N, C-alpha and C. Protein backbone atom coordinates (compact mmCIF):
# COMPACT_ATOMS: atom_id res chain seq x y z
N MET A 1 83.23 -56.23 41.86
CA MET A 1 83.49 -55.89 43.30
C MET A 1 85.25 -56.15 43.55
N VAL A 2 85.82 -54.72 44.33
CA VAL A 2 86.95 -54.90 44.50
C VAL A 2 87.48 -55.66 45.23
N LYS A 3 88.56 -56.49 44.88
CA LYS A 3 89.20 -57.68 45.63
C LYS A 3 90.58 -57.49 45.50
N ASN A 4 91.01 -56.83 44.68
CA ASN A 4 92.71 -56.48 44.54
C ASN A 4 93.02 -55.57 45.26
N ILE A 5 94.11 -55.58 45.91
CA ILE A 5 94.80 -54.52 46.50
C ILE A 5 96.20 -54.44 46.19
N PHE A 6 96.62 -53.02 45.55
CA PHE A 6 98.05 -53.06 45.60
C PHE A 6 98.32 -52.36 46.45
N PHE A 7 99.59 -52.63 47.20
CA PHE A 7 100.46 -52.01 48.13
C PHE A 7 101.54 -51.43 47.95
N ASP A 8 102.23 -50.31 48.35
CA ASP A 8 103.53 -49.79 48.07
C ASP A 8 104.22 -50.69 49.34
N PHE A 9 105.50 -50.40 49.21
CA PHE A 9 106.36 -51.04 50.27
C PHE A 9 106.95 -50.17 51.48
N GLY A 10 107.99 -49.31 50.99
CA GLY A 10 108.54 -48.21 51.85
C GLY A 10 107.62 -47.27 52.50
N ARG A 11 107.32 -47.03 53.43
CA ARG A 11 106.49 -45.84 54.51
C ARG A 11 104.96 -46.46 54.24
N THR A 12 104.86 -47.76 53.69
CA THR A 12 103.54 -47.98 53.80
C THR A 12 103.42 -49.62 54.33
N LEU A 13 104.21 -50.34 53.90
CA LEU A 13 104.46 -51.58 54.85
C LEU A 13 105.39 -51.91 55.96
N VAL A 14 106.38 -51.11 55.43
CA VAL A 14 107.58 -51.01 56.40
C VAL A 14 108.41 -49.38 56.51
N GLU A 15 109.13 -49.24 57.49
CA GLU A 15 109.54 -47.96 57.58
C GLU A 15 110.67 -47.95 56.47
N HIS A 16 110.78 -46.26 56.07
CA HIS A 16 111.65 -46.07 54.77
C HIS A 16 113.04 -45.95 55.34
N PRO A 17 113.92 -46.40 54.45
CA PRO A 17 115.64 -46.39 55.02
C PRO A 17 115.78 -44.43 54.93
N GLU A 18 114.93 -43.82 54.58
CA GLU A 18 115.46 -42.43 54.30
C GLU A 18 115.09 -41.94 56.28
N ASP A 19 114.35 -42.62 56.55
CA ASP A 19 113.71 -42.24 57.94
C ASP A 19 114.91 -42.67 59.16
N GLY A 20 113.95 -43.09 60.38
CA GLY A 20 114.89 -43.64 61.48
C GLY A 20 115.83 -44.94 61.07
N ALA A 21 114.79 -45.68 60.31
CA ALA A 21 115.43 -47.29 60.10
C ALA A 21 116.75 -47.14 59.07
N GLY A 22 116.80 -46.20 58.44
CA GLY A 22 118.04 -46.00 57.59
C GLY A 22 119.35 -45.55 58.61
N LEU A 23 118.92 -44.72 59.51
CA LEU A 23 119.94 -44.25 60.45
C LEU A 23 120.45 -45.45 61.43
N GLN A 24 119.66 -46.18 61.57
CA GLN A 24 120.02 -47.47 62.25
C GLN A 24 120.71 -48.23 61.76
N ILE A 25 120.48 -48.63 60.24
CA ILE A 25 121.35 -49.43 59.48
C ILE A 25 122.61 -48.63 59.39
N VAL A 26 123.06 -47.53 59.25
CA VAL A 26 124.21 -46.88 59.43
C VAL A 26 125.09 -47.01 60.74
N LEU A 27 124.37 -47.03 61.77
CA LEU A 27 124.59 -46.89 63.15
C LEU A 27 125.30 -48.48 63.51
N ASP A 28 124.52 -49.38 62.93
CA ASP A 28 124.79 -50.98 62.84
C ASP A 28 126.12 -51.10 62.63
N THR A 29 127.13 -50.42 61.49
CA THR A 29 128.06 -50.48 60.89
C THR A 29 129.19 -50.20 62.00
N GLY A 30 128.71 -49.36 63.00
CA GLY A 30 130.03 -49.12 63.90
C GLY A 30 130.09 -47.67 64.16
N VAL A 31 129.52 -46.82 63.30
CA VAL A 31 129.78 -45.42 63.48
C VAL A 31 129.34 -45.08 64.58
N ASP A 32 130.45 -44.08 65.41
CA ASP A 32 129.95 -43.82 66.77
C ASP A 32 129.67 -42.32 66.71
N ASN A 33 129.68 -41.50 65.85
CA ASN A 33 129.17 -40.16 65.64
C ASN A 33 127.88 -39.93 64.89
N ILE A 34 127.17 -39.66 65.60
CA ILE A 34 125.87 -39.27 65.03
C ILE A 34 125.78 -38.31 63.80
N GLU A 35 126.49 -37.33 63.66
CA GLU A 35 126.71 -36.78 62.68
C GLU A 35 126.90 -37.06 61.27
N ASP A 36 128.40 -37.99 61.69
CA ASP A 36 128.91 -38.80 60.81
C ASP A 36 127.52 -39.97 59.99
N ALA A 37 127.13 -40.49 60.70
CA ALA A 37 125.97 -41.61 60.44
C ALA A 37 124.76 -40.61 59.73
N ILE A 38 124.51 -39.59 59.76
CA ILE A 38 123.26 -39.07 59.56
C ILE A 38 123.89 -38.72 57.84
N LEU A 39 125.16 -38.23 57.88
CA LEU A 39 125.86 -37.99 56.72
C LEU A 39 125.80 -38.98 55.63
N ILE A 40 126.00 -40.31 56.29
CA ILE A 40 126.07 -41.61 55.26
C ILE A 40 124.72 -41.99 55.08
N ARG A 41 123.70 -41.72 56.11
CA ARG A 41 122.44 -42.03 55.54
C ARG A 41 121.93 -41.26 54.54
N ASP A 42 122.29 -39.85 54.69
CA ASP A 42 121.52 -38.81 53.58
C ASP A 42 122.33 -39.44 52.24
N GLU A 43 123.51 -39.79 52.44
CA GLU A 43 124.42 -40.13 50.87
C GLU A 43 123.35 -41.40 50.30
N ILE A 44 123.62 -42.39 51.09
CA ILE A 44 122.90 -43.77 50.71
C ILE A 44 121.66 -43.66 50.10
N PHE A 45 120.61 -43.03 50.92
CA PHE A 45 119.44 -43.00 50.39
C PHE A 45 118.75 -41.72 49.97
N SER A 46 119.52 -41.43 49.03
CA SER A 46 119.02 -40.05 48.47
C SER A 46 118.20 -40.34 47.17
N VAL A 47 117.22 -39.95 47.27
CA VAL A 47 116.47 -40.11 45.87
C VAL A 47 117.02 -39.19 44.92
N GLU A 48 117.11 -37.95 45.15
CA GLU A 48 117.68 -37.26 44.03
C GLU A 48 118.69 -37.66 43.19
N LYS A 49 119.71 -37.99 44.37
CA LYS A 49 120.99 -38.48 43.60
C LYS A 49 121.23 -39.79 42.94
N TYR A 50 120.23 -40.91 43.54
CA TYR A 50 120.60 -42.32 43.08
C TYR A 50 119.29 -43.14 43.00
N LEU A 51 118.11 -43.10 44.15
CA LEU A 51 117.37 -44.06 44.15
C LEU A 51 116.40 -44.01 43.02
N ASN A 52 116.06 -42.80 42.47
CA ASN A 52 115.12 -42.88 41.14
C ASN A 52 115.38 -43.72 40.08
N ASP A 53 116.73 -43.43 39.78
CA ASP A 53 117.55 -43.94 38.60
C ASP A 53 117.83 -45.61 39.03
N LEU A 54 118.14 -45.83 40.05
CA LEU A 54 118.62 -47.21 40.65
C LEU A 54 117.06 -47.99 40.65
N ASP A 55 115.92 -47.51 41.23
CA ASP A 55 114.70 -48.35 41.18
C ASP A 55 114.32 -48.38 39.63
N GLU A 56 114.54 -47.49 38.59
CA GLU A 56 113.98 -47.52 37.34
C GLU A 56 114.87 -48.46 36.38
N GLY A 57 116.02 -48.89 37.18
CA GLY A 57 116.83 -49.84 36.56
C GLY A 57 117.96 -49.10 35.43
N LEU A 58 117.98 -47.97 35.81
CA LEU A 58 118.86 -47.04 34.79
C LEU A 58 120.39 -46.66 35.44
N MET A 59 120.81 -47.73 36.74
CA MET A 59 121.75 -47.70 37.17
C MET A 59 121.96 -49.16 37.89
N SER A 60 123.13 -49.67 37.71
CA SER A 60 123.45 -51.16 38.53
C SER A 60 123.59 -50.68 39.77
N TYR A 61 123.23 -51.64 40.87
CA TYR A 61 123.50 -51.80 42.23
C TYR A 61 124.89 -51.31 42.39
N ASP A 62 126.19 -51.84 41.54
CA ASP A 62 127.70 -51.87 41.67
C ASP A 62 127.99 -50.44 41.38
N GLU A 63 127.32 -49.55 40.43
CA GLU A 63 127.41 -48.52 40.29
C GLU A 63 127.27 -47.19 41.16
N TYR A 64 126.01 -47.89 41.83
CA TYR A 64 125.17 -46.82 42.75
C TYR A 64 126.26 -47.07 43.92
N LYS A 65 126.56 -48.31 44.48
CA LYS A 65 127.62 -48.53 45.70
C LYS A 65 128.80 -47.84 45.47
N LYS A 66 129.39 -47.70 44.37
CA LYS A 66 130.81 -46.83 44.07
C LYS A 66 130.66 -45.45 44.33
N MET A 67 129.61 -45.11 43.60
CA MET A 67 129.24 -43.46 43.82
C MET A 67 128.73 -43.10 45.24
N VAL A 68 128.07 -44.10 46.24
CA VAL A 68 128.16 -43.58 47.40
C VAL A 68 129.66 -43.58 48.22
N ILE A 69 130.31 -44.52 48.04
CA ILE A 69 131.53 -44.59 48.63
C ILE A 69 132.25 -43.54 48.19
N ASP A 70 132.36 -43.23 47.04
CA ASP A 70 133.10 -41.87 46.41
C ASP A 70 132.85 -40.69 47.08
N ALA A 71 131.40 -40.60 47.54
CA ALA A 71 130.76 -39.20 47.69
C ALA A 71 131.10 -38.84 49.38
N VAL A 72 131.35 -39.93 50.19
CA VAL A 72 131.53 -39.54 51.31
C VAL A 72 132.97 -39.53 51.82
N PRO A 73 133.28 -38.73 52.89
CA PRO A 73 134.62 -38.74 53.21
C PRO A 73 135.43 -39.82 53.55
N GLU A 74 136.70 -39.87 52.94
CA GLU A 74 137.63 -41.21 53.01
C GLU A 74 137.48 -42.07 54.34
N ARG A 75 137.67 -41.14 55.66
CA ARG A 75 137.65 -41.96 56.79
C ARG A 75 136.12 -42.43 56.93
N LEU A 76 135.13 -42.24 56.25
CA LEU A 76 134.04 -43.09 56.28
C LEU A 76 133.27 -44.11 55.58
N ARG A 77 134.30 -44.27 54.68
CA ARG A 77 133.99 -45.34 53.59
C ARG A 77 133.54 -46.61 53.86
N LYS A 78 134.40 -47.16 54.93
CA LYS A 78 134.31 -48.39 55.15
C LYS A 78 132.58 -48.66 55.75
N TYR A 79 132.34 -47.55 56.55
CA TYR A 79 130.89 -47.74 57.00
C TYR A 79 129.78 -47.72 55.94
N ALA A 80 129.96 -46.81 55.12
CA ALA A 80 129.24 -46.65 53.76
C ALA A 80 129.13 -47.98 53.15
N GLU A 81 130.26 -48.54 52.61
CA GLU A 81 130.59 -49.58 51.93
C GLU A 81 129.68 -50.50 52.77
N THR A 82 129.60 -50.79 54.04
CA THR A 82 128.96 -51.92 54.34
C THR A 82 127.31 -51.48 54.81
N ALA A 83 126.90 -50.15 54.85
CA ALA A 83 125.75 -49.73 55.11
C ALA A 83 125.08 -50.04 53.81
N VAL A 84 125.45 -49.63 52.83
CA VAL A 84 124.96 -49.64 51.27
C VAL A 84 124.34 -51.02 51.09
N MET A 85 125.08 -52.21 51.27
CA MET A 85 124.60 -53.27 51.18
C MET A 85 123.53 -54.01 51.93
N TYR A 86 122.89 -53.17 52.88
CA TYR A 86 121.82 -53.49 53.66
C TYR A 86 120.97 -54.49 52.87
N ASP A 87 120.38 -55.40 53.78
CA ASP A 87 119.31 -56.27 53.33
C ASP A 87 117.84 -55.57 53.77
N ILE A 88 116.92 -55.52 52.60
CA ILE A 88 115.77 -54.78 52.81
C ILE A 88 114.76 -55.54 53.94
N ARG A 89 115.15 -56.51 54.32
CA ARG A 89 114.35 -57.21 55.07
C ARG A 89 114.71 -56.87 56.57
N VAL A 90 115.32 -56.21 56.96
CA VAL A 90 115.85 -55.69 57.92
C VAL A 90 114.84 -54.32 58.58
N LEU A 91 114.38 -54.01 57.61
CA LEU A 91 113.53 -52.68 57.75
C LEU A 91 112.19 -53.05 58.29
N PRO A 92 112.02 -52.24 59.57
CA PRO A 92 110.67 -52.71 60.52
C PRO A 92 109.64 -52.46 59.96
N MET A 93 108.69 -53.29 60.18
CA MET A 93 107.07 -53.38 59.85
C MET A 93 106.50 -52.09 60.58
N ILE A 94 105.77 -51.40 59.71
CA ILE A 94 104.71 -50.36 60.16
C ILE A 94 103.67 -50.74 61.26
N SER A 95 103.56 -50.26 62.35
CA SER A 95 102.72 -51.09 63.30
C SER A 95 101.40 -51.30 62.42
N GLY A 96 100.78 -52.46 62.95
CA GLY A 96 99.48 -52.87 62.60
C GLY A 96 99.22 -53.32 61.16
N MET A 97 100.43 -53.02 60.29
CA MET A 97 100.38 -53.48 59.02
C MET A 97 100.57 -55.05 58.75
N GLU A 98 101.04 -55.79 59.30
CA GLU A 98 101.04 -57.17 59.20
C GLU A 98 99.89 -57.68 59.63
N GLN A 99 99.43 -57.26 60.72
CA GLN A 99 98.03 -57.85 60.93
C GLN A 99 96.94 -57.41 60.02
N LEU A 100 97.05 -56.43 59.48
CA LEU A 100 95.94 -55.82 58.32
C LEU A 100 96.05 -56.89 57.06
N LEU A 101 97.47 -57.04 56.72
CA LEU A 101 97.60 -58.20 55.87
C LEU A 101 97.02 -59.35 55.97
N LEU A 102 97.17 -59.92 57.23
CA LEU A 102 96.42 -61.17 57.48
C LEU A 102 94.88 -61.28 57.63
N LYS A 103 94.26 -60.17 58.19
CA LYS A 103 92.85 -59.99 57.98
C LYS A 103 92.32 -59.81 56.40
N LEU A 104 92.98 -59.19 55.60
CA LEU A 104 92.42 -58.89 54.16
C LEU A 104 92.82 -60.41 53.49
N LYS A 105 93.91 -61.03 53.78
CA LYS A 105 94.26 -62.29 53.11
C LYS A 105 92.89 -63.38 53.60
N ASN A 106 92.70 -63.48 54.76
CA ASN A 106 91.69 -64.23 55.50
C ASN A 106 90.09 -63.95 54.91
N ASP A 107 90.02 -62.62 54.67
CA ASP A 107 88.38 -62.30 54.01
C ASP A 107 88.68 -62.23 52.37
N GLY A 108 89.68 -62.82 52.00
CA GLY A 108 89.65 -63.39 50.51
C GLY A 108 90.07 -62.16 49.64
N PHE A 109 90.61 -61.27 49.99
CA PHE A 109 91.20 -60.34 49.08
C PHE A 109 92.85 -60.77 48.16
N LYS A 110 92.89 -60.50 47.28
CA LYS A 110 94.16 -60.66 46.66
C LYS A 110 95.16 -59.48 46.83
N LEU A 111 96.15 -59.60 47.38
CA LEU A 111 97.20 -58.64 47.23
C LEU A 111 98.28 -58.72 46.68
N TYR A 112 98.75 -57.66 46.38
CA TYR A 112 100.10 -57.11 45.36
C TYR A 112 101.01 -56.41 46.04
N ILE A 113 102.14 -56.57 45.97
CA ILE A 113 103.48 -55.60 46.19
C ILE A 113 103.36 -54.69 44.62
N THR A 114 103.16 -53.59 44.69
CA THR A 114 103.47 -52.59 43.59
C THR A 114 104.85 -51.58 44.13
N SER A 115 105.70 -51.58 44.04
CA SER A 115 106.84 -50.75 44.54
C SER A 115 107.74 -50.44 43.39
N ASN A 116 108.64 -49.05 43.63
CA ASN A 116 109.53 -48.78 43.12
C ASN A 116 110.87 -49.20 43.84
N MET A 117 111.69 -50.34 43.53
CA MET A 117 112.52 -50.93 43.69
C MET A 117 113.34 -51.69 42.91
N ASN A 118 114.80 -51.55 43.21
CA ASN A 118 115.92 -52.03 42.65
C ASN A 118 115.97 -53.39 42.65
N GLU A 119 116.52 -54.08 41.50
CA GLU A 119 116.72 -55.44 41.52
C GLU A 119 117.19 -56.44 42.61
N ARG A 120 118.19 -55.69 43.31
CA ARG A 120 118.70 -56.66 44.28
C ARG A 120 117.70 -56.90 45.62
N HIS A 121 117.15 -55.67 45.83
CA HIS A 121 116.13 -55.61 46.77
C HIS A 121 114.90 -56.45 46.42
N ALA A 122 114.51 -56.18 45.20
CA ALA A 122 113.27 -57.08 44.74
C ALA A 122 113.78 -58.57 44.89
N LYS A 123 114.79 -58.99 44.80
CA LYS A 123 115.06 -60.51 44.95
C LYS A 123 114.78 -60.81 46.38
N GLN A 124 115.36 -59.78 47.31
CA GLN A 124 115.44 -60.05 49.00
C GLN A 124 113.77 -59.95 49.07
N MET A 125 112.82 -59.13 48.64
CA MET A 125 111.72 -58.90 48.68
C MET A 125 110.82 -60.47 48.73
N ARG A 126 111.24 -61.40 47.64
CA ARG A 126 110.28 -62.55 47.32
C ARG A 126 110.75 -63.74 48.45
N GLU A 127 111.85 -63.02 49.52
CA GLU A 127 112.09 -64.18 50.55
C GLU A 127 111.81 -63.49 51.76
N HIS A 128 111.05 -62.40 51.65
CA HIS A 128 110.70 -61.44 53.02
C HIS A 128 109.58 -62.45 53.89
N LYS A 129 109.33 -62.23 55.28
CA LYS A 129 108.39 -62.98 55.91
C LYS A 129 107.21 -62.51 55.74
N ILE A 130 106.86 -61.09 54.71
CA ILE A 130 105.56 -60.89 54.44
C ILE A 130 105.12 -61.30 52.96
N ALA A 131 106.14 -61.88 52.26
CA ALA A 131 105.81 -62.58 51.08
C ALA A 131 104.66 -63.41 51.25
N LYS A 132 104.49 -64.23 51.88
CA LYS A 132 103.49 -65.20 52.22
C LYS A 132 102.12 -64.45 52.03
N TYR A 133 101.76 -63.22 52.25
CA TYR A 133 100.63 -63.02 52.18
C TYR A 133 100.18 -62.21 50.98
N PHE A 134 101.10 -62.11 49.97
CA PHE A 134 100.96 -61.75 48.59
C PHE A 134 101.08 -62.61 47.69
N ASP A 135 100.07 -62.38 46.68
CA ASP A 135 99.75 -63.23 45.32
C ASP A 135 100.69 -62.82 44.38
N ASP A 136 101.29 -61.76 44.14
CA ASP A 136 102.19 -61.61 43.38
C ASP A 136 102.88 -60.27 43.66
N MET A 137 104.08 -59.93 42.99
CA MET A 137 104.86 -58.46 43.24
C MET A 137 105.15 -57.96 41.96
N ILE A 138 105.28 -56.59 41.74
CA ILE A 138 105.83 -56.21 40.48
C ILE A 138 107.13 -55.09 41.03
N PHE A 139 108.11 -54.82 40.54
CA PHE A 139 109.04 -54.05 40.70
C PHE A 139 109.39 -53.19 39.62
N SER A 140 109.72 -51.95 39.95
CA SER A 140 109.99 -50.92 38.97
C SER A 140 111.47 -51.45 38.12
N ALA A 141 112.42 -51.65 38.73
CA ALA A 141 113.51 -51.84 38.32
C ALA A 141 113.61 -53.34 36.94
N GLU A 142 112.58 -54.07 37.66
CA GLU A 142 112.62 -55.24 36.40
C GLU A 142 111.89 -54.96 35.31
N ILE A 143 111.12 -53.74 35.21
CA ILE A 143 110.27 -53.53 34.17
C ILE A 143 110.44 -52.36 33.61
N LYS A 144 111.97 -51.69 34.10
CA LYS A 144 112.20 -50.42 33.64
C LYS A 144 111.09 -49.03 33.48
N THR A 145 110.37 -49.32 34.35
CA THR A 145 109.51 -48.08 34.28
C THR A 145 109.04 -47.73 35.92
N ARG A 146 108.68 -46.92 36.46
CA ARG A 146 108.61 -46.62 38.06
C ARG A 146 107.21 -45.67 37.93
N LYS A 147 106.43 -45.95 39.49
CA LYS A 147 105.37 -45.30 39.75
C LYS A 147 105.88 -43.75 39.55
N PRO A 148 105.02 -42.58 39.26
CA PRO A 148 103.79 -42.44 39.01
C PRO A 148 103.34 -43.04 37.54
N TYR A 149 104.24 -43.45 36.83
CA TYR A 149 103.76 -43.30 35.54
C TYR A 149 102.95 -44.44 35.05
N LYS A 150 102.03 -44.10 33.79
CA LYS A 150 101.18 -45.12 33.51
C LYS A 150 101.38 -46.51 33.19
N GLU A 151 102.75 -46.57 32.63
CA GLU A 151 103.39 -47.47 32.10
C GLU A 151 103.55 -48.83 33.22
N PHE A 152 103.84 -48.16 34.37
CA PHE A 152 103.98 -49.13 35.45
C PHE A 152 102.76 -49.68 35.85
N PHE A 153 101.61 -49.10 35.94
CA PHE A 153 100.27 -49.53 36.64
C PHE A 153 99.62 -50.58 35.30
N ASN A 154 100.26 -49.97 33.99
CA ASN A 154 99.80 -50.78 32.92
C ASN A 154 100.31 -52.27 33.14
N ALA A 155 101.67 -52.35 33.35
CA ALA A 155 102.34 -53.48 33.34
C ALA A 155 101.77 -54.31 34.75
N ALA A 156 101.35 -53.53 35.88
CA ALA A 156 101.05 -54.41 36.83
C ALA A 156 99.47 -55.30 36.72
N PHE A 157 98.62 -54.36 35.86
CA PHE A 157 97.50 -54.99 35.33
C PHE A 157 97.70 -55.91 34.43
N ASP A 158 98.69 -56.05 33.46
CA ASP A 158 98.96 -57.17 32.69
C ASP A 158 99.41 -58.50 33.37
N LYS A 159 100.37 -58.10 34.39
CA LYS A 159 101.27 -59.34 34.89
C LYS A 159 99.95 -59.87 35.92
N PHE A 160 99.19 -59.07 36.89
CA PHE A 160 98.50 -59.85 37.41
C PHE A 160 97.19 -60.39 37.10
N GLY A 161 96.61 -59.91 35.93
CA GLY A 161 95.64 -60.25 35.15
C GLY A 161 94.39 -59.70 35.72
N VAL A 162 94.34 -58.34 36.29
CA VAL A 162 93.26 -57.72 37.18
C VAL A 162 92.97 -56.48 36.26
N LYS A 163 91.69 -55.85 36.51
CA LYS A 163 91.27 -54.59 35.63
C LYS A 163 91.35 -53.66 36.64
N ALA A 164 91.63 -52.14 36.41
CA ALA A 164 92.01 -51.28 36.97
C ALA A 164 90.59 -50.87 38.10
N GLU A 165 89.49 -51.19 37.46
CA GLU A 165 88.25 -50.83 38.37
C GLU A 165 87.97 -51.77 39.43
N ASP A 166 88.74 -53.01 39.49
CA ASP A 166 88.77 -53.86 40.29
C ASP A 166 89.81 -53.69 41.46
N CYS A 167 90.38 -52.52 41.32
CA CYS A 167 91.56 -52.60 42.14
C CYS A 167 91.71 -51.22 43.22
N ILE A 168 92.44 -51.38 44.50
CA ILE A 168 92.70 -50.24 45.17
C ILE A 168 94.22 -50.37 45.47
N PHE A 169 94.41 -49.01 45.58
CA PHE A 169 96.09 -48.92 45.44
C PHE A 169 96.34 -47.92 46.65
N ILE A 170 97.37 -48.72 47.43
CA ILE A 170 97.87 -47.86 48.76
C ILE A 170 99.26 -47.58 48.90
N ASP A 171 99.55 -46.05 48.87
CA ASP A 171 100.77 -45.81 48.72
C ASP A 171 100.75 -44.43 49.56
N ASP A 172 102.24 -44.13 50.15
CA ASP A 172 102.71 -42.86 50.91
C ASP A 172 102.77 -41.53 50.40
N LEU A 173 102.90 -41.54 48.74
CA LEU A 173 103.12 -40.71 47.97
C LEU A 173 101.79 -40.28 47.27
N GLU A 174 101.54 -38.98 47.46
CA GLU A 174 100.21 -38.62 46.74
C GLU A 174 100.73 -38.56 45.18
N GLU A 175 101.66 -38.49 44.66
CA GLU A 175 101.89 -38.23 43.31
C GLU A 175 101.61 -39.74 42.77
N ASN A 176 102.21 -40.68 43.26
CA ASN A 176 101.94 -42.03 42.92
C ASN A 176 100.46 -42.57 42.90
N VAL A 177 99.66 -42.06 43.83
CA VAL A 177 98.28 -42.05 44.03
C VAL A 177 97.55 -41.54 42.79
N ILE A 178 97.80 -40.25 42.60
CA ILE A 178 97.24 -39.47 41.40
C ILE A 178 97.74 -40.22 40.32
N GLY A 179 98.84 -40.99 40.30
CA GLY A 179 99.07 -41.37 38.91
C GLY A 179 98.30 -42.85 38.64
N ALA A 180 98.03 -43.48 39.71
CA ALA A 180 97.18 -44.69 39.54
C ALA A 180 95.81 -44.19 39.68
N GLU A 181 95.23 -43.33 40.05
CA GLU A 181 93.77 -42.94 39.69
C GLU A 181 93.77 -42.36 38.63
N ALA A 182 94.77 -41.96 38.09
CA ALA A 182 94.54 -41.57 36.29
C ALA A 182 94.56 -42.61 35.55
N CYS A 183 94.71 -43.87 36.17
CA CYS A 183 94.72 -45.05 35.28
C CYS A 183 93.39 -46.05 35.63
N GLY A 184 92.51 -45.31 36.60
CA GLY A 184 91.29 -46.08 36.74
C GLY A 184 91.22 -46.69 38.21
N ILE A 185 92.23 -46.30 39.09
CA ILE A 185 92.45 -47.27 40.26
C ILE A 185 91.78 -46.51 41.50
N ARG A 186 91.09 -46.93 42.32
CA ARG A 186 91.07 -46.00 43.60
C ARG A 186 91.95 -45.92 44.34
N GLY A 187 92.60 -44.79 45.04
CA GLY A 187 93.77 -44.66 45.72
C GLY A 187 93.58 -43.97 47.00
N PHE A 188 94.58 -44.25 47.65
CA PHE A 188 94.56 -44.05 49.28
C PHE A 188 95.91 -43.70 49.52
N VAL A 189 96.02 -42.28 49.94
CA VAL A 189 97.41 -42.04 50.44
C VAL A 189 97.59 -42.16 51.86
N PHE A 190 98.60 -43.26 52.32
CA PHE A 190 98.86 -44.01 53.42
C PHE A 190 99.74 -43.13 54.30
N LYS A 191 99.25 -42.33 55.67
CA LYS A 191 99.82 -41.55 56.44
C LYS A 191 100.41 -42.12 57.76
N GLY A 192 100.54 -43.70 57.43
CA GLY A 192 101.30 -44.26 58.83
C GLY A 192 100.42 -45.20 59.71
N ASP A 193 98.89 -44.92 59.22
CA ASP A 193 97.84 -45.56 60.56
C ASP A 193 97.33 -46.46 59.61
N SER A 194 97.27 -47.90 60.13
CA SER A 194 96.96 -49.17 59.60
C SER A 194 95.39 -49.17 59.53
N LYS A 195 94.68 -48.13 60.78
CA LYS A 195 93.17 -48.44 60.80
C LYS A 195 92.81 -47.43 59.65
N GLU A 196 93.23 -46.73 59.46
CA GLU A 196 92.74 -45.71 58.35
C GLU A 196 92.58 -46.21 57.26
N ALA A 197 93.64 -47.14 56.70
CA ALA A 197 93.72 -48.01 55.78
C ALA A 197 92.61 -48.88 55.59
N GLU A 198 92.64 -49.39 56.71
CA GLU A 198 91.65 -50.53 56.88
C GLU A 198 90.32 -50.05 56.45
N LYS A 199 89.91 -48.89 57.17
CA LYS A 199 88.54 -48.32 56.95
C LYS A 199 88.37 -47.71 55.69
N PHE A 200 89.27 -47.42 55.30
CA PHE A 200 89.32 -46.99 53.70
C PHE A 200 89.10 -48.32 52.78
N ILE A 201 89.63 -49.34 52.86
CA ILE A 201 89.51 -50.57 52.13
C ILE A 201 88.11 -51.11 52.39
N TYR A 202 87.72 -51.21 53.55
CA TYR A 202 86.30 -51.83 53.92
C TYR A 202 85.18 -51.12 53.37
N ASN A 203 85.39 -49.63 53.33
CA ASN A 203 84.20 -48.58 53.02
C ASN A 203 84.23 -48.88 51.63
N VAL A 204 85.23 -48.93 50.80
CA VAL A 204 85.03 -48.94 49.45
C VAL A 204 84.57 -50.51 48.93
N CYS A 205 85.02 -51.47 49.27
CA CYS A 205 84.56 -52.97 49.06
C CYS A 205 83.39 -53.29 49.82
């Protein structure tokens, strides 16, 4: 019987910083021009330039910070330096997801975070207000591999002491769900609707 649920973090439990949440992080540094704020946001949260390597542990946070600061115009560097050090706990929860976590926990499910995340933010995650709902967490930078690779999911099975056939995986990226399903996990591509995620979980279980 399926009683273990793997959750992604960004765009699954919270808003992703590539989206509106990231723009707000930049605006909160005092940037007063929206075009400048977008430029900084797009640099800081560029998956192609930084985040995949950062999340896989191939780049340190200090290296990432320096590259971001050097990449923006000099007049914007003080804002970028502040924004790049954002705390992951400021990202707003997606509507309905905390209520779903509480329901699942009360119904006896074992909940796990399985996220591509750098080491700095992984440490903050363990102090996040939603950490109380989770039985354990695994982060890509700490194991030096990321979703959708099979090595990531195998490491999660080992750490959590679970079998693939006893798990569900919820993630916003189809490629990650495909990777999970290739390892024997039933997956769900999350599109922002907590009720649809809940329906899927309880239909499977």
